[in-house]
Every structure is written in C-alpha cells, then in structure tokens.
Amino acid sequence: MKNIRSHRDTLEGRWRTLPIRKQRRCTLYFFVGYLLFTTVVVFKISYDAESPDKNMVIEHIENPLLEKNESPAFLQDTLQ
C-alpha cells in the first residue's frame, strides 16, 4: 500500500507542477479520446443490433470438465 500511495503522490506532484494550460490541454485530449471511443462503440452496437441477417444463438453452457471421461469423484475432490 505504501508503494502505491507514494507512486500516486509522485504522479499527483508531477501533474500539479505542469502549467495550467498543459493540464487543460491534456484533459481536453483525454476527453476527446473518450468521446471518440464512446461514439465508435455506440455506433458499432447500434449497427450490430440493426443488421437483420445476424442471428444470436442462445444455448446452454456446458461444463468442459464433464466432457472429459473422468470419474465424478475426481472432479468433486478439489483438495488433493
């Protein structure tokens, strides 16, 4: 925990030593990147939802351990 706190404090100190103009520019770049990423994801989801030729197949999840031909006693005992 101490290492994480010291690293965080170091980064916070470096951020505070930047001029306000650079802080605003970095914040603006991060916001624009976030906005662009969000827009792409929303359009991709809406495109996938609207395309009629794609069908979603809903099936039961099968346990891959049961597909192996192992004894059930070995599968139940996890302490060995």
N, C-alpha and C. Protein backbone atom coordinates (compact mmCIF):
# COMPACT_ATOMS: atom_id res chain seq x y z
N MET A 1 0.82 -1.19 0.00
CA MET A 1 0.00 0.00 0.00
C MET A 1 0.86 1.25 0.00
N LYS A 2 1.96 1.19 0.74
CA LYS A 2 2.81 2.36 0.84
C LYS A 2 3.41 2.70 -0.52
N ASN A 3 3.78 1.67 -1.29
CA ASN A 3 4.36 1.89 -2.59
C ASN A 3 3.34 2.53 -3.54
N ILE A 4 2.11 2.09 -3.48
CA ILE A 4 1.06 2.64 -4.34
C ILE A 4 0.79 4.10 -3.96
N ARG A 5 0.73 4.37 -2.68
CA ARG A 5 0.49 5.75 -2.24
C ARG A 5 1.63 6.67 -2.65
N SER A 6 2.86 6.21 -2.50
CA SER A 6 3.99 7.06 -2.88
C SER A 6 4.01 7.30 -4.39
N HIS A 7 3.67 6.27 -5.16
CA HIS A 7 3.60 6.43 -6.61
C HIS A 7 2.48 7.41 -7.00
N ARG A 8 1.34 7.28 -6.33
CA ARG A 8 0.23 8.20 -6.59
C ARG A 8 0.61 9.63 -6.23
N ASP A 9 1.28 9.80 -5.10
CA ASP A 9 1.70 11.14 -4.69
C ASP A 9 2.72 11.73 -5.66
N THR A 10 3.59 10.88 -6.19
CA THR A 10 4.57 11.34 -7.17
C THR A 10 3.87 11.82 -8.44
N LEU A 11 2.91 11.03 -8.92
CA LEU A 11 2.17 11.43 -10.11
C LEU A 11 1.35 12.70 -9.87
N GLU A 12 0.75 12.79 -8.71
CA GLU A 12 -0.02 13.98 -8.37
C GLU A 12 0.88 15.21 -8.34
N GLY A 13 2.07 15.06 -7.79
CA GLY A 13 3.01 16.17 -7.76
C GLY A 13 3.45 16.59 -9.15
N ARG A 14 3.70 15.61 -10.01
CA ARG A 14 4.08 15.93 -11.39
C ARG A 14 2.95 16.64 -12.13
N TRP A 15 1.70 16.21 -11.86
CA TRP A 15 0.56 16.85 -12.50
C TRP A 15 0.42 18.30 -12.05
N ARG A 16 0.60 18.52 -10.75
CA ARG A 16 0.46 19.87 -10.21
C ARG A 16 1.58 20.82 -10.67
N THR A 17 2.74 20.27 -11.02
CA THR A 17 3.83 21.13 -11.49
C THR A 17 3.66 21.53 -12.95
N LEU A 18 2.78 20.85 -13.67
CA LEU A 18 2.52 21.25 -15.06
C LEU A 18 1.80 22.60 -15.07
N PRO A 19 2.08 23.41 -16.08
CA PRO A 19 1.32 24.65 -16.20
C PRO A 19 -0.16 24.37 -16.44
N ILE A 20 -1.00 25.30 -16.04
CA ILE A 20 -2.45 25.13 -16.17
C ILE A 20 -2.84 24.89 -17.63
N ARG A 21 -2.17 25.56 -18.54
CA ARG A 21 -2.50 25.42 -19.96
C ARG A 21 -2.27 23.97 -20.43
N LYS A 22 -1.16 23.36 -20.00
CA LYS A 22 -0.89 21.98 -20.38
C LYS A 22 -1.86 21.01 -19.69
N GLN A 23 -2.24 21.32 -18.45
CA GLN A 23 -3.22 20.49 -17.76
C GLN A 23 -4.54 20.50 -18.52
N ARG A 24 -4.97 21.68 -18.94
CA ARG A 24 -6.23 21.78 -19.68
C ARG A 24 -6.14 21.06 -21.02
N ARG A 25 -5.00 21.19 -21.69
CA ARG A 25 -4.83 20.54 -22.98
C ARG A 25 -4.85 19.02 -22.82
N CYS A 26 -4.16 18.49 -21.83
CA CYS A 26 -4.17 17.04 -21.58
C CYS A 26 -5.58 16.56 -21.24
N THR A 27 -6.27 17.32 -20.40
CA THR A 27 -7.63 16.96 -20.04
C THR A 27 -8.54 16.97 -21.26
N LEU A 28 -8.37 17.96 -22.12
CA LEU A 28 -9.16 18.04 -23.34
C LEU A 28 -8.87 16.86 -24.27
N TYR A 29 -7.58 16.48 -24.41
CA TYR A 29 -7.24 15.35 -25.26
C TYR A 29 -7.83 14.05 -24.72
N PHE A 30 -7.76 13.85 -23.42
CA PHE A 30 -8.35 12.65 -22.84
C PHE A 30 -9.87 12.63 -23.03
N PHE A 31 -10.51 13.79 -22.87
CA PHE A 31 -11.96 13.86 -23.05
C PHE A 31 -12.34 13.58 -24.49
N VAL A 32 -11.61 14.16 -25.45
CA VAL A 32 -11.91 13.94 -26.86
C VAL A 32 -11.69 12.47 -27.22
N GLY A 33 -10.63 11.86 -26.70
CA GLY A 33 -10.40 10.44 -26.94
C GLY A 33 -11.51 9.58 -26.37
N TYR A 34 -11.94 9.91 -25.17
CA TYR A 34 -13.04 9.18 -24.53
C TYR A 34 -14.33 9.35 -25.33
N LEU A 35 -14.61 10.56 -25.78
CA LEU A 35 -15.81 10.82 -26.56
C LEU A 35 -15.77 10.08 -27.89
N LEU A 36 -14.62 10.06 -28.55
CA LEU A 36 -14.48 9.35 -29.81
C LEU A 36 -14.67 7.85 -29.61
N PHE A 37 -14.05 7.31 -28.59
CA PHE A 37 -14.18 5.89 -28.30
C PHE A 37 -15.63 5.52 -27.98
N THR A 38 -16.30 6.34 -27.17
CA THR A 38 -17.70 6.09 -26.83
C THR A 38 -18.58 6.14 -28.06
N THR A 39 -18.35 7.10 -28.94
CA THR A 39 -19.14 7.23 -30.16
C THR A 39 -18.96 6.01 -31.05
N VAL A 40 -17.73 5.54 -31.20
CA VAL A 40 -17.48 4.36 -32.03
C VAL A 40 -18.18 3.14 -31.44
N VAL A 41 -18.12 2.97 -30.14
CA VAL A 41 -18.75 1.81 -29.51
C VAL A 41 -20.27 1.87 -29.67
N VAL A 42 -20.86 3.04 -29.49
CA VAL A 42 -22.32 3.18 -29.63
C VAL A 42 -22.75 2.88 -31.06
N PHE A 43 -22.02 3.39 -32.03
CA PHE A 43 -22.37 3.11 -33.43
C PHE A 43 -22.18 1.64 -33.77
N LYS A 44 -21.15 1.02 -33.25
CA LYS A 44 -20.92 -0.41 -33.51
C LYS A 44 -22.04 -1.25 -32.90
N ILE A 45 -22.45 -0.92 -31.69
CA ILE A 45 -23.54 -1.67 -31.06
C ILE A 45 -24.84 -1.47 -31.81
N SER A 46 -25.13 -0.24 -32.21
CA SER A 46 -26.38 0.01 -32.95
C SER A 46 -26.34 -0.66 -34.32
N TYR A 47 -25.18 -0.70 -34.96
CA TYR A 47 -25.07 -1.37 -36.26
C TYR A 47 -25.29 -2.87 -36.11
N ASP A 48 -24.69 -3.46 -35.07
CA ASP A 48 -24.86 -4.89 -34.85
C ASP A 48 -26.29 -5.24 -34.48
N ALA A 49 -26.96 -4.36 -33.76
CA ALA A 49 -28.34 -4.64 -33.33
C ALA A 49 -29.32 -4.48 -34.49
N GLU A 50 -29.03 -3.60 -35.44
CA GLU A 50 -29.96 -3.35 -36.53
C GLU A 50 -29.78 -4.30 -37.71
N SER A 51 -28.66 -4.93 -37.85
CA SER A 51 -28.45 -5.80 -39.01
C SER A 51 -29.32 -7.06 -38.87
N PRO A 52 -30.24 -7.26 -39.82
CA PRO A 52 -31.22 -8.35 -39.70
C PRO A 52 -30.64 -9.73 -40.01
N ASP A 53 -29.53 -9.82 -40.71
CA ASP A 53 -29.03 -11.12 -41.12
C ASP A 53 -28.25 -11.84 -40.02
N LYS A 54 -27.96 -11.16 -38.96
CA LYS A 54 -27.23 -11.80 -37.87
C LYS A 54 -28.20 -12.32 -36.82
N ASN A 55 -28.07 -13.59 -36.51
CA ASN A 55 -28.93 -14.22 -35.51
C ASN A 55 -28.10 -14.56 -34.29
N MET A 56 -28.65 -14.29 -33.14
CA MET A 56 -27.97 -14.63 -31.91
C MET A 56 -28.43 -16.01 -31.47
N VAL A 57 -27.50 -16.89 -31.28
CA VAL A 57 -27.81 -18.25 -30.86
C VAL A 57 -27.62 -18.32 -29.35
N ILE A 58 -28.69 -18.71 -28.67
CA ILE A 58 -28.64 -18.83 -27.22
C ILE A 58 -28.71 -20.31 -26.89
N GLU A 59 -27.66 -20.81 -26.25
CA GLU A 59 -27.60 -22.22 -25.89
C GLU A 59 -27.20 -22.35 -24.43
N HIS A 60 -27.37 -23.52 -23.90
CA HIS A 60 -26.94 -23.79 -22.54
C HIS A 60 -25.42 -23.84 -22.49
N ILE A 61 -24.86 -23.42 -21.38
CA ILE A 61 -23.43 -23.50 -21.18
C ILE A 61 -23.11 -24.90 -20.69
N GLU A 62 -22.17 -25.52 -21.38
CA GLU A 62 -21.80 -26.88 -20.99
C GLU A 62 -20.50 -26.84 -20.21
N ASN A 63 -20.42 -27.68 -19.20
CA ASN A 63 -19.24 -27.76 -18.37
C ASN A 63 -18.15 -28.52 -19.13
N PRO A 64 -17.01 -27.90 -19.43
CA PRO A 64 -15.98 -28.60 -20.20
C PRO A 64 -15.33 -29.73 -19.42
N LEU A 65 -15.41 -29.69 -18.09
CA LEU A 65 -14.83 -30.78 -17.30
C LEU A 65 -15.65 -32.05 -17.42
N LEU A 66 -16.94 -31.92 -17.63
CA LEU A 66 -17.78 -33.10 -17.73
C LEU A 66 -17.65 -33.76 -19.10
N GLU A 67 -17.16 -33.04 -20.09
CA GLU A 67 -16.98 -33.62 -21.41
C GLU A 67 -15.82 -34.61 -21.42
N LYS A 68 -14.85 -34.42 -20.53
CA LYS A 68 -13.76 -35.38 -20.41
C LYS A 68 -14.29 -36.63 -19.74
N ASN A 69 -13.74 -37.74 -20.06
CA ASN A 69 -14.20 -39.00 -19.47
C ASN A 69 -13.44 -39.29 -18.20
N GLU A 70 -13.65 -38.46 -17.20
CA GLU A 70 -13.02 -38.65 -15.90
C GLU A 70 -14.09 -39.04 -14.89
N SER A 71 -13.65 -39.63 -13.82
CA SER A 71 -14.60 -40.05 -12.81
C SER A 71 -15.14 -38.83 -12.06
N PRO A 72 -16.42 -38.83 -11.68
CA PRO A 72 -17.00 -37.70 -10.94
C PRO A 72 -16.37 -37.51 -9.58
N ALA A 73 -15.83 -38.57 -8.96
CA ALA A 73 -15.20 -38.43 -7.65
C ALA A 73 -13.96 -37.56 -7.75
N PHE A 74 -13.23 -37.66 -8.83
CA PHE A 74 -12.04 -36.84 -9.03
C PHE A 74 -12.44 -35.39 -9.21
N LEU A 75 -13.56 -35.12 -9.85
CA LEU A 75 -13.99 -33.76 -10.09
C LEU A 75 -14.50 -33.11 -8.81
N GLN A 76 -15.05 -33.87 -7.90
CA GLN A 76 -15.63 -33.30 -6.70
C GLN A 76 -14.58 -33.01 -5.64
N ASP A 77 -13.50 -33.76 -5.61
CA ASP A 77 -12.49 -33.57 -4.58
C ASP A 77 -11.43 -32.60 -5.10
N THR A 78 -11.49 -31.35 -4.61
CA THR A 78 -10.56 -30.35 -5.09
C THR A 78 -9.40 -30.12 -4.12
N LEU A 79 -9.36 -30.82 -3.00
CA LEU A 79 -8.32 -30.60 -2.01
C LEU A 79 -7.06 -31.40 -2.27
N GLN A 80 -7.11 -32.37 -3.18
CA GLN A 80 -5.92 -33.19 -3.41
C GLN A 80 -4.92 -32.51 -4.26
